[in-house]
Amino acid sequence: MTIYTIGYEGATMSGFITALHAAGVRRVIDVRALPLSRRPGFSKSTLAASLKAEGIDYFHLKALGTPKPGRDAAKKGDVATLTVVYDAQLELPEAQVAAAQMLALADEMPSALLCFERDPCHCHRTLLLEAVGEGREVVDLYV
C-alpha cells in the first residue's frame, strides 16, 4: 500500500491540485494541528471545498499535528527537537487513535498526508509515517 505526502509551501492551489491528480490521489488527510494558512486557499474550509470540487476527499486529523514547540523547531530546521516533541505527541492516546484512523483512510483509497513544509525531511509527516507506516511505501509529492 502506498501513502503519499505533500506540503503546500510555495504552492499555488492549481499546482497543488495538479500534483494530486497526477499521482492519482483521491483523498487528502490533513495532519496539521492548526489547519489555518496565510497562503490563499489552504485553510481548512476553503481547502476542503476546493478539493471537493476536484473530486478529492478531505479529512482533518488534528491529533496528528505538531504541538507549537515542534512547529517552532521545524521552522528553524531543528529536526532533533521536532523529533522529540513529535514522539511525545504520538504517545498520546488520541494520537494513537488518529494514527489508526489515518492508516484505515489511506487503505480505502489513494491518500496524501498534508502539511505546510515542502521538504518532507523537515516535517512531522515523515516522522509520523516512520512511526506507524510500516509496510507501506511512502511517496513524497512536490508542487
Protein backbone atom coordinates (compact mmCIF):
# COMPACT_ATOMS: atom_id res chain seq x y z
CA MET A 1 0.00 0.00 0.00
CA THR A 2 1.26 3.48 -0.88
CA ILE A 3 0.80 6.65 1.17
CA TYR A 4 1.65 9.97 -0.42
CA THR A 5 2.78 13.12 1.37
CA ILE A 6 2.60 16.69 0.16
CA GLY A 7 3.49 20.12 1.51
CA TYR A 8 1.95 23.29 0.16
CA GLU A 9 4.83 25.66 1.00
CA GLY A 10 5.25 27.91 -2.03
CA ALA A 11 2.44 26.16 -3.92
CA THR A 12 -0.50 27.57 -5.80
CA MET A 13 -3.84 25.82 -5.49
CA SER A 14 -3.79 24.87 -9.18
CA GLY A 15 -0.30 23.37 -8.88
CA PHE A 16 -1.30 21.55 -5.72
CA ILE A 17 -4.41 20.04 -7.35
CA THR A 18 -2.41 19.12 -10.46
CA ALA A 19 0.17 17.24 -8.37
CA LEU A 20 -2.58 15.32 -6.53
CA HIS A 21 -4.36 14.36 -9.76
CA ALA A 22 -1.09 13.34 -11.45
CA ALA A 23 -0.38 10.90 -8.59
CA GLY A 24 -3.94 9.57 -8.56
CA VAL A 25 -4.62 10.87 -5.04
CA ARG A 26 -8.31 10.76 -4.15
CA ARG A 27 -8.13 11.83 -0.50
CA VAL A 28 -6.11 14.44 1.39
CA ILE A 29 -5.52 13.73 5.07
CA ASP A 30 -4.63 16.99 6.76
CA VAL A 31 -2.20 16.34 9.64
CA ARG A 32 -1.81 19.96 10.74
CA ALA A 33 -2.63 20.79 14.35
CA LEU A 34 -3.92 24.17 13.16
CA PRO A 35 -5.46 23.86 9.69
CA LEU A 36 -5.15 27.57 9.02
CA SER A 37 -2.90 29.22 6.49
CA ARG A 38 -1.92 32.65 5.31
CA ARG A 39 -1.44 31.07 1.91
CA PRO A 40 -4.64 31.65 -0.09
CA GLY A 41 -6.79 28.54 -0.39
CA PHE A 42 -5.03 26.35 2.17
CA SER A 43 -7.14 26.95 5.28
CA LYS A 44 -9.39 24.04 6.21
CA SER A 45 -12.82 25.15 4.90
CA THR A 46 -11.56 26.67 1.65
CA LEU A 47 -9.20 23.77 1.02
CA ALA A 48 -11.91 21.18 1.66
CA ALA A 49 -14.26 22.96 -0.77
CA SER A 50 -11.59 23.26 -3.48
CA LEU A 51 -10.68 19.60 -3.16
CA LYS A 52 -14.32 18.51 -3.22
CA ALA A 53 -14.84 20.47 -6.45
CA GLU A 54 -11.98 18.43 -7.93
CA GLY A 55 -13.35 15.08 -6.72
CA ILE A 56 -10.84 14.74 -3.89
CA ASP A 57 -11.96 13.86 -0.37
CA TYR A 58 -10.65 15.86 2.62
CA PHE A 59 -10.18 14.64 6.18
CA HIS A 60 -8.54 16.50 9.08
CA LEU A 61 -6.81 14.64 11.93
CA LYS A 62 -5.84 17.31 14.44
CA ALA A 63 -4.33 14.85 16.93
CA LEU A 64 -1.60 14.02 14.38
CA GLY A 65 -0.48 17.64 14.21
CA THR A 66 2.68 19.00 15.78
CA PRO A 67 2.45 20.93 19.04
CA LYS A 68 3.76 24.51 18.94
CA PRO A 69 7.29 23.68 20.22
CA GLY A 70 7.61 21.17 17.38
CA ARG A 71 6.35 23.66 14.79
CA ASP A 72 8.84 26.23 16.08
CA ALA A 73 11.65 23.67 15.81
CA ALA A 74 10.61 22.76 12.26
CA LYS A 75 10.70 26.44 11.23
CA LYS A 76 14.29 26.62 12.49
CA GLY A 77 15.27 23.37 10.78
CA ASP A 78 15.85 21.76 14.19
CA VAL A 79 14.80 18.23 13.30
CA ALA A 80 16.18 16.77 16.55
CA THR A 81 13.83 18.88 18.69
CA LEU A 82 10.95 18.30 16.28
CA THR A 83 11.51 14.56 16.64
CA VAL A 84 11.49 14.65 20.46
CA VAL A 85 8.33 16.79 20.57
CA TYR A 86 6.52 14.74 17.97
CA ASP A 87 7.48 11.39 19.51
CA ALA A 88 5.79 12.60 22.72
CA GLN A 89 2.73 13.64 20.71
CA LEU A 90 2.44 10.19 19.15
CA GLU A 91 2.39 8.57 22.59
CA LEU A 92 -0.89 10.31 23.44
CA PRO A 93 -3.96 8.04 23.24
CA GLU A 94 -5.80 10.45 20.92
CA ALA A 95 -2.84 10.46 18.54
CA GLN A 96 -2.72 6.67 18.52
CA VAL A 97 -6.42 6.52 17.66
CA ALA A 98 -5.93 9.14 14.92
CA ALA A 99 -2.93 7.25 13.52
CA ALA A 100 -5.00 4.07 13.21
CA GLN A 101 -7.77 6.10 11.56
CA MET A 102 -5.26 7.66 9.15
CA LEU A 103 -4.00 4.23 8.07
CA ALA A 104 -7.55 2.96 7.59
CA LEU A 105 -8.45 6.02 5.50
CA ALA A 106 -5.30 5.61 3.39
CA ASP A 107 -6.09 1.93 2.86
CA GLU A 108 -9.53 2.84 1.44
CA MET A 109 -8.23 4.98 -1.43
CA PRO A 110 -5.02 6.67 -2.63
CA SER A 111 -4.32 9.34 0.00
CA ALA A 112 -1.81 12.09 0.68
CA LEU A 113 -0.82 13.43 4.08
CA LEU A 114 -0.84 17.23 4.00
CA CYS A 115 1.26 19.70 5.94
CA PHE A 116 2.96 23.02 5.17
CA GLU A 117 6.64 22.14 4.73
CA ARG A 118 7.65 21.37 1.17
CA ASP A 119 10.64 19.28 2.25
CA PRO A 120 9.37 16.14 4.00
CA CYS A 121 12.70 15.83 5.85
CA HIS A 122 11.75 18.95 7.83
CA CYS A 123 8.18 17.86 8.50
CA HIS A 124 6.45 15.71 11.07
CA ARG A 125 4.60 13.79 8.34
CA THR A 126 7.83 11.86 7.74
CA LEU A 127 8.17 11.14 11.47
CA LEU A 128 4.54 10.03 11.55
CA LEU A 129 4.98 7.53 8.75
CA GLU A 130 8.27 6.26 10.18
CA ALA A 131 6.42 5.57 13.44
CA VAL A 132 3.22 3.98 12.15
CA GLY A 133 3.53 3.37 8.40
CA GLU A 134 5.42 0.08 8.50
CA GLY A 135 4.91 -1.99 5.37
CA ARG A 136 3.68 0.95 3.33
CA GLU A 137 5.51 2.65 0.51
CA VAL A 138 5.83 6.41 1.05
CA VAL A 139 5.88 8.70 -1.99
CA ASP A 140 6.58 12.38 -1.41
CA LEU A 141 4.87 14.69 -3.89
CA TYR A 142 6.29 18.10 -4.75
CA VAL A 143 4.43 21.11 -6.09
